[in-house]
């Protein structure tokens, strides 16, 4: 759905130069929104925004700002006349968070606190938040629904849950705040143009970019972190979602939020964004081998701290309330990633 020019919201996209942020920027621009990006570029490249502008033919206003600088964030909100915020900025690796928990609390929780303070000062009261399915922790039942108890098992998951609590407390205490909390499952894939994809710095923490780097010859082999889980093939099972479907979910959540916003009341809604299907590490490996047309070298290593054996989404709430559902399958996730990786073996440095 596109908006008429006089109805197009002016959006602040935090972390908009990152993997999910850049794909979300494409979706929002193509829908007719005006998009301003802030990103400190600690784990992203401004070249991704050049690709966004090339794909969409539209301009992105970019500010290299850290969320913890409240005054600068407030200035951007005021100067760009922002109507709503899509908050994606943050650190996101489970294993790394177990090694550096204070860094994760500082960047994720403190950064979000400063963003909310800046929003309050600038009188911006609408926010879509990038949360995570890791807030659920060890499954009490599967698939996860939004009613599942939250008990994160890693510092990363704890930071996401703490931000959710902040949003809920703010919504409960003051009228006029409107939040949509999106609990992501596992975003993968790349834009169909081949110009935009995941470009992790250093050794990838996630399965798909690691597979892509093995396939292109940048890594020697894939390490499977544990093959003794209580799953069908012994490897971890996850709900993988194409990043373009995830980007569409942000636009759907934003429309839902804006349509229902009122200065007289507040709301904080929660939505799972996932495919509703679990795929194992070996499933992903075989799908990527189909995409690249060759077998990939693999070895088995120990389990990583904080990893769960299996989880996947019940996304019916998002389907019913947001009229959103994923449309891209596992083979599309792998083929689009391979297209991006072949064209950009060194990411945005090519």
C-alpha atoms as a PDB file:
ATOM      1  CA  UNK A   1       0.000   0.000   0.000  1.00  0.00           C
ATOM      2  CA  UNK A   2       1.283   3.476  -0.903  1.00  0.00           C
ATOM      3  CA  UNK A   3       0.272   6.712   0.739  1.00  0.00           C
ATOM      4  CA  UNK A   4      -0.672   9.977  -0.875  1.00  0.00           C
ATOM      5  CA  UNK A   5       1.986  12.669  -0.478  1.00  0.00           C
ATOM      6  CA  UNK A   6      -0.023  14.679   2.049  1.00  0.00           C
ATOM      7  CA  UNK A   7      -0.492  11.613   4.278  1.00  0.00           C
ATOM      8  CA  UNK A   8       3.046  10.196   4.112  1.00  0.00           C
ATOM      9  CA  UNK A   9       4.551  10.000   7.611  1.00  0.00           C
ATOM     10  CA  UNK A  10       8.036  11.300   8.280  1.00  0.00           C
ATOM     11  CA  UNK A  11       9.873   8.443   9.941  1.00  0.00           C
ATOM     12  CA  UNK A  12      13.059   8.112  11.952  1.00  0.00           C
ATOM     13  CA  UNK A  13      14.698   4.729  11.335  1.00  0.00           C
ATOM     14  CA  UNK A  14      17.317   3.912  13.970  1.00  0.00           C
ATOM     15  CA  UNK A  15      19.951   1.443  12.820  1.00  0.00           C
ATOM     16  CA  UNK A  16      18.767   2.101   9.292  1.00  0.00           C
ATOM     17  CA  UNK A  17      22.150   1.401   7.672  1.00  0.00           C
ATOM     18  CA  UNK A  18      22.172  -2.159   9.015  1.00  0.00           C
ATOM     19  CA  UNK A  19      20.932  -5.356   7.420  1.00  0.00           C
ATOM     20  CA  UNK A  20      17.319  -5.240   8.578  1.00  0.00           C
ATOM     21  CA  UNK A  21      17.258  -1.448   8.650  1.00  0.00           C
ATOM     22  CA  UNK A  22      18.300  -0.987   5.026  1.00  0.00           C
ATOM     23  CA  UNK A  23      15.705  -3.477   3.769  1.00  0.00           C
ATOM     24  CA  UNK A  24      13.072  -1.803   5.924  1.00  0.00           C
ATOM     25  CA  UNK A  25      14.082   1.572   4.496  1.00  0.00           C
ATOM     26  CA  UNK A  26      13.378   0.251   0.983  1.00  0.00           C
ATOM     27  CA  UNK A  27       9.903  -0.926   1.982  1.00  0.00           C
ATOM     28  CA  UNK A  28       9.036   2.336   3.744  1.00  0.00           C
ATOM     29  CA  UNK A  29      10.306   4.512   0.897  1.00  0.00           C
ATOM     30  CA  UNK A  30       8.452   2.448  -1.699  1.00  0.00           C
ATOM     31  CA  UNK A  31       5.289   2.881   0.404  1.00  0.00           C
ATOM     32  CA  UNK A  32       5.666   6.664   0.122  1.00  0.00           C
ATOM     33  CA  UNK A  33       7.124   7.475   3.551  1.00  0.00           C
ATOM     34  CA  UNK A  34       9.829  10.092   4.138  1.00  0.00           C
ATOM     35  CA  UNK A  35      12.731   8.305   5.857  1.00  0.00           C
ATOM     36  CA  UNK A  36      15.490   9.722   8.052  1.00  0.00           C
ATOM     37  CA  UNK A  37      18.164   7.288   9.236  1.00  0.00           C
ATOM     38  CA  UNK A  38      20.378   7.544  12.289  1.00  0.00           C
ATOM     39  CA  UNK A  39      23.121   4.971  12.760  1.00  0.00           C
ATOM     40  CA  UNK A  40      26.503   5.071  14.502  1.00  0.00           C
ATOM     41  CA  UNK A  41      27.929   2.703  11.823  1.00  0.00           C
ATOM     42  CA  UNK A  42      29.531   0.473  14.478  1.00  0.00           C
ATOM     43  CA  UNK A  43      28.343  -2.638  12.640  1.00  0.00           C
ATOM     44  CA  UNK A  44      27.050  -1.272   9.335  1.00  0.00           C
ATOM     45  CA  UNK A  45      28.034   0.730   6.285  1.00  0.00           C
ATOM     46  CA  UNK A  46      26.642   3.969   4.913  1.00  0.00           C
ATOM     47  CA  UNK A  47      27.058   2.365   1.475  1.00  0.00           C
ATOM     48  CA  UNK A  48      23.927   0.348   2.217  1.00  0.00           C
ATOM     49  CA  UNK A  49      21.957   3.589   2.085  1.00  0.00           C
ATOM     50  CA  UNK A  50      23.444   4.367  -1.329  1.00  0.00           C
ATOM     51  CA  UNK A  51      22.004   1.015  -2.458  1.00  0.00           C
ATOM     52  CA  UNK A  52      18.642   1.869  -0.862  1.00  0.00           C
ATOM     53  CA  UNK A  53      18.492   5.141  -2.791  1.00  0.00           C
ATOM     54  CA  UNK A  54      19.506   3.425  -6.032  1.00  0.00           C
ATOM     55  CA  UNK A  55      16.820   0.752  -5.633  1.00  0.00           C
ATOM     56  CA  UNK A  56      14.024   3.169  -4.730  1.00  0.00           C
ATOM     57  CA  UNK A  57      15.062   6.287  -6.644  1.00  0.00           C
ATOM     58  CA  UNK A  58      14.361   8.269  -3.471  1.00  0.00           C
ATOM     59  CA  UNK A  59      16.520  10.215  -1.044  1.00  0.00           C
ATOM     60  CA  UNK A  60      17.325   9.147   2.513  1.00  0.00           C
ATOM     61  CA  UNK A  61      18.379  11.761   5.056  1.00  0.00           C
ATOM     62  CA  UNK A  62      21.266  10.239   7.047  1.00  0.00           C
ATOM     63  CA  UNK A  63      22.780  11.312  10.386  1.00  0.00           C
ATOM     64  CA  UNK A  64      25.705   9.449  11.952  1.00  0.00           C
ATOM     65  CA  UNK A  65      24.499   9.593  15.541  1.00  0.00           C
ATOM     66  CA  UNK A  66      24.727   7.293  18.553  1.00  0.00           C
ATOM     67  CA  UNK A  67      21.415   6.808  20.362  1.00  0.00           C
ATOM     68  CA  UNK A  68      23.082   7.484  23.694  1.00  0.00           C
ATOM     69  CA  UNK A  69      23.590  11.127  22.652  1.00  0.00           C
ATOM     70  CA  UNK A  70      20.140  12.352  23.699  1.00  0.00           C
ATOM     71  CA  UNK A  71      20.646  15.936  22.588  1.00  0.00           C
ATOM     72  CA  UNK A  72      21.670  14.990  19.048  1.00  0.00           C
ATOM     73  CA  UNK A  73      18.813  12.487  18.710  1.00  0.00           C
ATOM     74  CA  UNK A  74      16.335  15.109  19.906  1.00  0.00           C
ATOM     75  CA  UNK A  75      17.743  17.609  17.406  1.00  0.00           C
ATOM     76  CA  UNK A  76      17.226  15.136  14.537  1.00  0.00           C
ATOM     77  CA  UNK A  77      13.660  14.438  15.660  1.00  0.00           C
ATOM     78  CA  UNK A  78      12.885  18.169  15.706  1.00  0.00           C
ATOM     79  CA  UNK A  79      14.806  19.223  12.601  1.00  0.00           C
ATOM     80  CA  UNK A  80      13.342  16.425  10.460  1.00  0.00           C
ATOM     81  CA  UNK A  81       9.791  16.951  11.834  1.00  0.00           C
ATOM     82  CA  UNK A  82       9.486  13.253  12.667  1.00  0.00           C
ATOM     83  CA  UNK A  83       6.033  11.704  13.137  1.00  0.00           C
ATOM     84  CA  UNK A  84       7.054   8.202  14.279  1.00  0.00           C
ATOM     85  CA  UNK A  85      10.125   6.087  14.998  1.00  0.00           C
ATOM     86  CA  UNK A  86      11.057   2.599  13.821  1.00  0.00           C
ATOM     87  CA  UNK A  87      13.698   1.474  16.328  1.00  0.00           C
ATOM     88  CA  UNK A  88      16.088  -1.187  15.011  1.00  0.00           C
ATOM     89  CA  UNK A  89      19.454  -0.046  16.401  1.00  0.00           C
ATOM     90  CA  UNK A  90      21.254  -2.405  18.746  1.00  0.00           C
ATOM     91  CA  UNK A  91      23.641  -5.302  19.193  1.00  0.00           C
ATOM     92  CA  UNK A  92      22.169  -8.695  18.334  1.00  0.00           C
ATOM     93  CA  UNK A  93      24.471 -11.725  18.840  1.00  0.00           C
ATOM     94  CA  UNK A  94      23.454 -14.182  21.579  1.00  0.00           C
ATOM     95  CA  UNK A  95      26.928 -15.677  22.050  1.00  0.00           C
ATOM     96  CA  UNK A  96      28.677 -12.300  22.056  1.00  0.00           C
ATOM     97  CA  UNK A  97      26.210 -11.006  24.647  1.00  0.00           C
ATOM     98  CA  UNK A  98      27.215 -13.839  26.990  1.00  0.00           C
ATOM     99  CA  UNK A  99      30.839 -12.676  26.710  1.00  0.00           C
ATOM    100  CA  UNK A 100      30.150  -8.933  26.923  1.00  0.00           C
ATOM    101  CA  UNK A 101      26.868  -8.421  28.820  1.00  0.00           C
ATOM    102  CA  UNK A 102      27.624  -4.894  30.028  1.00  0.00           C
ATOM    103  CA  UNK A 103      28.240  -3.720  26.476  1.00  0.00           C
ATOM    104  CA  UNK A 104      24.856  -5.124  25.441  1.00  0.00           C
ATOM    105  CA  UNK A 105      23.037  -3.417  28.319  1.00  0.00           C
ATOM    106  CA  UNK A 106      24.789  -0.147  27.528  1.00  0.00           C
ATOM    107  CA  UNK A 107      24.091  -0.130  23.787  1.00  0.00           C
ATOM    108  CA  UNK A 108      20.647  -1.745  23.762  1.00  0.00           C
ATOM    109  CA  UNK A 109      18.951  -0.700  27.000  1.00  0.00           C
ATOM    110  CA  UNK A 110      20.672   2.617  27.713  1.00  0.00           C
ATOM    111  CA  UNK A 111      20.464   3.557  24.024  1.00  0.00           C
ATOM    112  CA  UNK A 112      16.723   2.886  23.989  1.00  0.00           C
ATOM    113  CA  UNK A 113      16.223   4.854  27.203  1.00  0.00           C
ATOM    114  CA  UNK A 114      17.946   7.883  25.668  1.00  0.00           C
ATOM    115  CA  UNK A 115      15.873   7.516  22.498  1.00  0.00           C
ATOM    116  CA  UNK A 116      12.653   7.574  24.519  1.00  0.00           C
ATOM    117  CA  UNK A 117      13.847  10.622  26.458  1.00  0.00           C
ATOM    118  CA  UNK A 118      14.593  12.397  23.188  1.00  0.00           C
ATOM    119  CA  UNK A 119      11.194  11.403  21.800  1.00  0.00           C
ATOM    120  CA  UNK A 120       9.443  12.745  24.883  1.00  0.00           C
ATOM    121  CA  UNK A 121      11.298  16.052  24.628  1.00  0.00           C
ATOM    122  CA  UNK A 122      10.467  16.348  20.903  1.00  0.00           C
ATOM    123  CA  UNK A 123       6.830  15.274  21.428  1.00  0.00           C
ATOM    124  CA  UNK A 124       7.105  12.160  19.220  1.00  0.00           C
ATOM    125  CA  UNK A 125       4.945   9.434  20.730  1.00  0.00           C
ATOM    126  CA  UNK A 126       4.781   6.583  18.197  1.00  0.00           C
ATOM    127  CA  UNK A 127       7.370   3.815  17.964  1.00  0.00           C
ATOM    128  CA  UNK A 128       7.728   0.393  16.326  1.00  0.00           C
ATOM    129  CA  UNK A 129      10.328  -1.616  18.239  1.00  0.00           C
ATOM    130  CA  UNK A 130      12.581  -4.365  16.928  1.00  0.00           C
ATOM    131  CA  UNK A 131      12.394  -6.987  19.669  1.00  0.00           C
ATOM    132  CA  UNK A 132      13.220 -10.697  19.457  1.00  0.00           C
ATOM    133  CA  UNK A 133      11.756 -14.149  19.993  1.00  0.00           C
ATOM    134  CA  UNK A 134      14.641 -14.717  22.406  1.00  0.00           C
ATOM    135  CA  UNK A 135      12.543 -12.936  25.061  1.00  0.00           C
ATOM    136  CA  UNK A 136      10.526 -16.150  25.415  1.00  0.00           C
ATOM    137  CA  UNK A 137      13.432 -18.333  26.593  1.00  0.00           C
ATOM    138  CA  UNK A 138      13.068 -22.080  27.065  1.00  0.00           C
ATOM    139  CA  UNK A 139       9.785 -23.142  25.440  1.00  0.00           C
ATOM    140  CA  UNK A 140       6.947 -24.031  27.771  1.00  0.00           C
ATOM    141  CA  UNK A 141       4.985 -24.843  24.619  1.00  0.00           C
ATOM    142  CA  UNK A 142       5.548 -24.551  20.869  1.00  0.00           C
ATOM    143  CA  UNK A 143       4.939 -22.744  18.682  1.00  0.00           C
ATOM    144  CA  UNK A 144       5.488 -19.580  20.717  1.00  0.00           C
ATOM    145  CA  UNK A 145       2.486 -17.281  20.909  1.00  0.00           C
ATOM    146  CA  UNK A 146       2.611 -13.736  22.251  1.00  0.00           C
ATOM    147  CA  UNK A 147       1.065 -15.112  25.468  1.00  0.00           C
ATOM    148  CA  UNK A 148       4.067 -17.385  26.113  1.00  0.00           C
ATOM    149  CA  UNK A 149       5.889 -16.481  29.368  1.00  0.00           C
ATOM    150  CA  UNK A 150       9.037 -14.411  28.897  1.00  0.00           C
ATOM    151  CA  UNK A 151      12.224 -15.721  30.469  1.00  0.00           C
ATOM    152  CA  UNK A 152      15.270 -14.874  28.311  1.00  0.00           C
ATOM    153  CA  UNK A 153      18.299 -17.151  28.629  1.00  0.00           C
ATOM    154  CA  UNK A 154      20.963 -14.724  27.344  1.00  0.00           C
ATOM    155  CA  UNK A 155      21.976 -11.126  28.064  1.00  0.00           C
ATOM    156  CA  UNK A 156      20.891 -10.235  24.514  1.00  0.00           C
ATOM    157  CA  UNK A 157      17.400 -11.573  25.186  1.00  0.00           C
ATOM    158  CA  UNK A 158      17.344  -9.849  28.558  1.00  0.00           C
ATOM    159  CA  UNK A 159      18.124  -6.497  26.956  1.00  0.00           C
ATOM    160  CA  UNK A 160      15.251  -6.887  24.503  1.00  0.00           C
ATOM    161  CA  UNK A 161      12.887  -7.810  27.307  1.00  0.00           C
ATOM    162  CA  UNK A 162      14.012  -4.872  29.444  1.00  0.00           C
ATOM    163  CA  UNK A 163      13.260  -2.495  26.580  1.00  0.00           C
ATOM    164  CA  UNK A 164       9.816  -4.077  26.208  1.00  0.00           C
ATOM    165  CA  UNK A 165       9.220  -3.473  29.938  1.00  0.00           C
ATOM    166  CA  UNK A 166      10.238   0.180  29.539  1.00  0.00           C
ATOM    167  CA  UNK A 167       7.766   0.611  26.690  1.00  0.00           C
ATOM    168  CA  UNK A 168       4.965  -1.095  28.618  1.00  0.00           C
ATOM    169  CA  UNK A 169       5.639   0.989  31.740  1.00  0.00           C
ATOM    170  CA  UNK A 170       5.629   4.205  29.716  1.00  0.00           C
ATOM    171  CA  UNK A 171       2.424   3.200  27.961  1.00  0.00           C
ATOM    172  CA  UNK A 172       0.791   2.349  31.304  1.00  0.00           C
ATOM    173  CA  UNK A 173       1.838   5.595  32.964  1.00  0.00           C
ATOM    174  CA  UNK A 174       1.146   8.295  30.369  1.00  0.00           C
ATOM    175  CA  UNK A 175      -1.534   8.868  27.742  1.00  0.00           C
ATOM    176  CA  UNK A 176      -0.572   9.374  24.110  1.00  0.00           C
ATOM    177  CA  UNK A 177       2.218   6.809  23.744  1.00  0.00           C
ATOM    178  CA  UNK A 178       1.716   4.134  21.088  1.00  0.00           C
ATOM    179  CA  UNK A 179       4.086   1.186  20.676  1.00  0.00           C
ATOM    180  CA  UNK A 180       4.199  -1.876  18.440  1.00  0.00           C
ATOM    181  CA  UNK A 181       6.665  -4.483  19.687  1.00  0.00           C
ATOM    182  CA  UNK A 182       7.786  -6.879  16.953  1.00  0.00           C
ATOM    183  CA  UNK A 183       9.269 -10.122  18.203  1.00  0.00           C
ATOM    184  CA  UNK A 184      11.441 -11.289  15.304  1.00  0.00           C
ATOM    185  CA  UNK A 185      12.385 -14.840  14.677  1.00  0.00           C
ATOM    186  CA  UNK A 186      15.405 -15.376  12.347  1.00  0.00           C
ATOM    187  CA  UNK A 187      15.684 -12.902   9.442  1.00  0.00           C
ATOM    188  CA  UNK A 188      17.687 -14.103   6.423  1.00  0.00           C
ATOM    189  CA  UNK A 189      17.830 -13.497   2.657  1.00  0.00           C
ATOM    190  CA  UNK A 190      18.536 -10.406   0.571  1.00  0.00           C
ATOM    191  CA  UNK A 191      16.819  -7.880  -1.680  1.00  0.00           C
ATOM    192  CA  UNK A 192      15.908  -9.381  -5.104  1.00  0.00           C
ATOM    193  CA  UNK A 193      17.957  -6.683  -6.878  1.00  0.00           C
ATOM    194  CA  UNK A 194      21.157  -8.267  -5.531  1.00  0.00           C
ATOM    195  CA  UNK A 195      22.272  -4.776  -4.439  1.00  0.00           C
ATOM    196  CA  UNK A 196      21.367  -5.118  -0.769  1.00  0.00           C
ATOM    197  CA  UNK A 197      22.106  -7.919   1.696  1.00  0.00           C
ATOM    198  CA  UNK A 198      23.717  -8.878   4.970  1.00  0.00           C
ATOM    199  CA  UNK A 199      27.286  -7.609   5.400  1.00  0.00           C
ATOM    200  CA  UNK A 200      28.532  -8.604   8.865  1.00  0.00           C
ATOM    201  CA  UNK A 201      31.817  -7.266  10.123  1.00  0.00           C
ATOM    202  CA  UNK A 202      34.352  -9.916  11.040  1.00  0.00           C
ATOM    203  CA  UNK A 203      33.228 -13.508  11.527  1.00  0.00           C
ATOM    204  CA  UNK A 204      29.439 -13.805  11.087  1.00  0.00           C
ATOM    205  CA  UNK A 205      27.475 -14.723  14.210  1.00  0.00           C
ATOM    206  CA  UNK A 206      24.499 -16.014  12.226  1.00  0.00           C
ATOM    207  CA  UNK A 207      24.102 -19.129  10.101  1.00  0.00           C
ATOM    208  CA  UNK A 208      23.047 -17.730   6.712  1.00  0.00           C
ATOM    209  CA  UNK A 209      25.852 -15.189   6.171  1.00  0.00           C
ATOM    210  CA  UNK A 210      28.368 -17.800   7.343  1.00  0.00           C
ATOM    211  CA  UNK A 211      27.024 -20.300   4.807  1.00  0.00           C
ATOM    212  CA  UNK A 212      27.261 -17.643   2.096  1.00  0.00           C
ATOM    213  CA  UNK A 213      30.868 -16.855   2.976  1.00  0.00           C
ATOM    214  CA  UNK A 214      31.780 -20.556   2.915  1.00  0.00           C
ATOM    215  CA  UNK A 215      30.106 -20.913  -0.491  1.00  0.00           C
ATOM    216  CA  UNK A 216      32.004 -17.936  -1.941  1.00  0.00           C
ATOM    217  CA  UNK A 217      35.310 -19.197  -0.523  1.00  0.00           C
ATOM    218  CA  UNK A 218      35.762 -16.594   2.183  1.00  0.00           C
ATOM    219  CA  UNK A 219      35.483 -19.191   5.007  1.00  0.00           C
ATOM    220  CA  UNK A 220      36.976 -22.683   4.992  1.00  0.00           C
ATOM    221  CA  UNK A 221      33.962 -24.538   6.384  1.00  0.00           C
ATOM    222  CA  UNK A 222      30.736 -24.218   8.340  1.00  0.00           C
ATOM    223  CA  UNK A 223      30.846 -25.159  12.011  1.00  0.00           C
ATOM    224  CA  UNK A 224      27.603 -26.683  13.258  1.00  0.00           C
ATOM    225  CA  UNK A 225      27.351 -25.691  16.911  1.00  0.00           C
ATOM    226  CA  UNK A 226      26.048 -28.929  18.377  1.00  0.00           C
ATOM    227  CA  UNK A 227      24.508 -31.961  16.641  1.00  0.00           C
ATOM    228  CA  UNK A 228      23.172 -33.668  19.777  1.00  0.00           C
ATOM    229  CA  UNK A 229      20.034 -31.600  20.397  1.00  0.00           C
ATOM    230  CA  UNK A 230      16.704 -33.354  20.864  1.00  0.00           C
ATOM    231  CA  UNK A 231      15.592 -32.552  17.319  1.00  0.00           C
ATOM    232  CA  UNK A 232      14.942 -34.684  14.229  1.00  0.00           C
ATOM    233  CA  UNK A 233      18.542 -34.470  12.951  1.00  0.00           C
ATOM    234  CA  UNK A 234      20.278 -33.348  16.158  1.00  0.00           C
ATOM    235  CA  UNK A 235      20.866 -29.764  15.027  1.00  0.00           C
ATOM    236  CA  UNK A 236      19.142 -26.626  16.250  1.00  0.00           C
ATOM    237  CA  UNK A 237      15.781 -25.712  14.725  1.00  0.00           C
ATOM    238  CA  UNK A 238      14.802 -22.107  14.030  1.00  0.00           C
ATOM    239  CA  UNK A 239      12.044 -20.154  12.339  1.00  0.00           C
ATOM    240  CA  UNK A 240      13.672 -18.391   9.376  1.00  0.00           C
ATOM    241  CA  UNK A 241      11.953 -15.373   7.836  1.00  0.00           C
ATOM    242  CA  UNK A 242      12.927 -13.544   4.656  1.00  0.00           C
ATOM    243  CA  UNK A 243      14.188 -10.070   5.506  1.00  0.00           C
ATOM    244  CA  UNK A 244      11.884  -8.510   2.882  1.00  0.00           C
ATOM    245  CA  UNK A 245       8.883 -10.162   4.562  1.00  0.00           C
ATOM    246  CA  UNK A 246      10.165  -8.788   7.862  1.00  0.00           C
ATOM    247  CA  UNK A 247      10.459  -5.314   6.339  1.00  0.00           C
ATOM    248  CA  UNK A 248       6.864  -5.587   5.129  1.00  0.00           C
ATOM    249  CA  UNK A 249       5.906  -6.469   8.705  1.00  0.00           C
ATOM    250  CA  UNK A 250       7.307  -3.154   9.953  1.00  0.00           C
ATOM    251  CA  UNK A 251       5.219  -1.218   7.466  1.00  0.00           C
ATOM    252  CA  UNK A 252       2.108  -3.204   8.419  1.00  0.00           C
ATOM    253  CA  UNK A 253       2.774  -2.573  12.127  1.00  0.00           C
ATOM    254  CA  UNK A 254       3.361   1.115  11.514  1.00  0.00           C
ATOM    255  CA  UNK A 255       0.081   1.524   9.638  1.00  0.00           C
ATOM    256  CA  UNK A 256      -1.748  -0.357  12.401  1.00  0.00           C
ATOM    257  CA  UNK A 257      -0.178   1.894  15.031  1.00  0.00           C
ATOM    258  CA  UNK A 258      -0.896   5.172  13.218  1.00  0.00           C
ATOM    259  CA  UNK A 259      -4.484   4.171  12.428  1.00  0.00           C
ATOM    260  CA  UNK A 260      -5.227   3.559  16.117  1.00  0.00           C
ATOM    261  CA  UNK A 261      -3.199   6.350  17.712  1.00  0.00           C
ATOM    262  CA  UNK A 262      -5.013   8.847  19.941  1.00  0.00           C
ATOM    263  CA  UNK A 263      -3.754  11.449  22.436  1.00  0.00           C
ATOM    264  CA  UNK A 264      -6.386  10.281  24.934  1.00  0.00           C
ATOM    265  CA  UNK A 265      -5.010   6.779  25.516  1.00  0.00           C
ATOM    266  CA  UNK A 266      -1.878   4.670  25.151  1.00  0.00           C
ATOM    267  CA  UNK A 267      -1.256   1.182  23.834  1.00  0.00           C
ATOM    268  CA  UNK A 268       1.590  -1.317  23.620  1.00  0.00           C
ATOM    269  CA  UNK A 269       0.916  -4.189  21.227  1.00  0.00           C
ATOM    270  CA  UNK A 270       3.045  -7.317  20.714  1.00  0.00           C
ATOM    271  CA  UNK A 271       3.417  -9.278  17.476  1.00  0.00           C
ATOM    272  CA  UNK A 272       5.417 -12.344  16.514  1.00  0.00           C
ATOM    273  CA  UNK A 273       6.976 -11.993  13.058  1.00  0.00           C
ATOM    274  CA  UNK A 274       7.974 -15.431  11.820  1.00  0.00           C
ATOM    275  CA  UNK A 275       7.157 -17.981   9.151  1.00  0.00           C
ATOM    276  CA  UNK A 276       5.567 -20.447  11.567  1.00  0.00           C
ATOM    277  CA  UNK A 277       7.835 -23.240  10.275  1.00  0.00           C
ATOM    278  CA  UNK A 278      10.972 -24.632  11.934  1.00  0.00           C
ATOM    279  CA  UNK A 279      14.058 -25.527   9.878  1.00  0.00           C
ATOM    280  CA  UNK A 280      17.173 -27.200  11.246  1.00  0.00           C
ATOM    281  CA  UNK A 281      20.769 -26.157  10.599  1.00  0.00           C
ATOM    282  CA  UNK A 282      21.089 -29.119   8.251  1.00  0.00           C
ATOM    283  CA  UNK A 283      17.908 -28.096   6.427  1.00  0.00           C
ATOM    284  CA  UNK A 284      19.460 -24.685   5.862  1.00  0.00           C
ATOM    285  CA  UNK A 285      22.747 -26.226   4.758  1.00  0.00           C
ATOM    286  CA  UNK A 286      21.052 -28.420   2.158  1.00  0.00           C
ATOM    287  CA  UNK A 287      18.900 -25.525   0.888  1.00  0.00           C
ATOM    288  CA  UNK A 288      21.972 -23.346   0.461  1.00  0.00           C
ATOM    289  CA  UNK A 289      23.795 -26.143  -1.345  1.00  0.00           C
ATOM    290  CA  UNK A 290      20.859 -26.223  -3.776  1.00  0.00           C
ATOM    291  CA  UNK A 291      21.121 -22.475  -4.250  1.00  0.00           C
ATOM    292  CA  UNK A 292      24.861 -22.400  -4.925  1.00  0.00           C
ATOM    293  CA  UNK A 293      24.950 -25.723  -6.794  1.00  0.00           C
ATOM    294  CA  UNK A 294      27.719 -27.413  -4.807  1.00  0.00           C
ATOM    295  CA  UNK A 295      28.334 -29.252  -1.515  1.00  0.00           C
ATOM    296  CA  UNK A 296      29.775 -27.155   1.314  1.00  0.00           C
ATOM    297  CA  UNK A 297      32.435 -28.310   3.811  1.00  0.00           C
ATOM    298  CA  UNK A 298      31.100 -28.790   7.344  1.00  0.00           C
ATOM    299  CA  UNK A 299      32.454 -29.692  10.760  1.00  0.00           C
ATOM    300  CA  UNK A 300      30.705 -30.162  14.100  1.00  0.00           C
ATOM    301  CA  UNK A 301      31.680 -28.112  17.127  1.00  0.00           C
ATOM    302  CA  UNK A 302      30.362 -27.710  20.684  1.00  0.00           C
ATOM    303  CA  UNK A 303      27.086 -26.025  21.528  1.00  0.00           C
ATOM    304  CA  UNK A 304      27.164 -22.252  22.008  1.00  0.00           C
ATOM    305  CA  UNK A 305      26.098 -20.750  25.342  1.00  0.00           C
ATOM    306  CA  UNK A 306      22.579 -19.314  25.273  1.00  0.00           C
ATOM    307  CA  UNK A 307      21.383 -21.334  22.269  1.00  0.00           C
ATOM    308  CA  UNK A 308      18.048 -23.176  22.503  1.00  0.00           C
ATOM    309  CA  UNK A 309      17.367 -26.554  20.826  1.00  0.00           C
ATOM    310  CA  UNK A 310      14.308 -25.459  18.821  1.00  0.00           C
ATOM    311  CA  UNK A 311      11.709 -22.751  18.475  1.00  0.00           C
ATOM    312  CA  UNK A 312       9.308 -21.353  15.909  1.00  0.00           C
ATOM    313  CA  UNK A 313       6.475 -18.842  15.764  1.00  0.00           C
ATOM    314  CA  UNK A 314       2.757 -18.759  15.898  1.00  0.00           C
ATOM    315  CA  UNK A 315       2.274 -15.591  13.831  1.00  0.00           C
ATOM    316  CA  UNK A 316      -1.532 -15.695  13.645  1.00  0.00           C
ATOM    317  CA  UNK A 317      -1.881 -12.522  15.711  1.00  0.00           C
ATOM    318  CA  UNK A 318       0.125 -10.521  13.158  1.00  0.00           C
ATOM    319  CA  UNK A 319      -1.805 -12.176  10.334  1.00  0.00           C
ATOM    320  CA  UNK A 320      -5.171 -11.255  11.880  1.00  0.00           C
ATOM    321  CA  UNK A 321      -4.386  -7.776  13.237  1.00  0.00           C
ATOM    322  CA  UNK A 322      -1.825  -6.493  10.747  1.00  0.00           C
ATOM    323  CA  UNK A 323      -3.004  -8.405   7.656  1.00  0.00           C
ATOM    324  CA  UNK A 324       0.616  -9.535   7.299  1.00  0.00           C
ATOM    325  CA  UNK A 325       2.067 -12.906   6.416  1.00  0.00           C
ATOM    326  CA  UNK A 326       5.359 -14.024   4.852  1.00  0.00           C
ATOM    327  CA  UNK A 327       5.299 -14.935   1.163  1.00  0.00           C
ATOM    328  CA  UNK A 328       8.916 -16.008   0.474  1.00  0.00           C
ATOM    329  CA  UNK A 329      10.082 -19.596   1.094  1.00  0.00           C
ATOM    330  CA  UNK A 330      13.365 -21.166   2.218  1.00  0.00           C
ATOM    331  CA  UNK A 331      14.713 -21.593  -1.309  1.00  0.00           C
ATOM    332  CA  UNK A 332      14.066 -17.896  -2.015  1.00  0.00           C
ATOM    333  CA  UNK A 333      15.886 -16.977   1.204  1.00  0.00           C
ATOM    334  CA  UNK A 334      18.942 -18.961   0.108  1.00  0.00           C
ATOM    335  CA  UNK A 335      18.926 -18.012  -3.582  1.00  0.00           C
ATOM    336  CA  UNK A 336      18.625 -14.286  -2.842  1.00  0.00           C
ATOM    337  CA  UNK A 337      21.449 -14.517  -0.307  1.00  0.00           C
ATOM    338  CA  UNK A 338      23.646 -16.332  -2.829  1.00  0.00           C
ATOM    339  CA  UNK A 339      22.866 -13.729  -5.503  1.00  0.00           C
ATOM    340  CA  UNK A 340      23.960 -10.962  -3.108  1.00  0.00           C
ATOM    341  CA  UNK A 341      27.080 -12.811  -1.944  1.00  0.00           C
ATOM    342  CA  UNK A 342      28.251 -13.626  -5.467  1.00  0.00           C
ATOM    343  CA  UNK A 343      27.873  -9.997  -6.533  1.00  0.00           C
ATOM    344  CA  UNK A 344      29.445  -8.692  -3.317  1.00  0.00           C
ATOM    345  CA  UNK A 345      31.966 -11.262  -1.962  1.00  0.00           C
ATOM    346  CA  UNK A 346      33.400  -8.579   0.311  1.00  0.00           C
ATOM    347  CA  UNK A 347      30.079  -6.975   1.125  1.00  0.00           C
ATOM    348  CA  UNK A 348      29.755  -3.242   0.598  1.00  0.00           C
ATOM    349  CA  UNK A 349      33.548  -2.956   0.281  1.00  0.00           C
ATOM    350  CA  UNK A 350      33.364  -4.291  -3.309  1.00  0.00           C
END
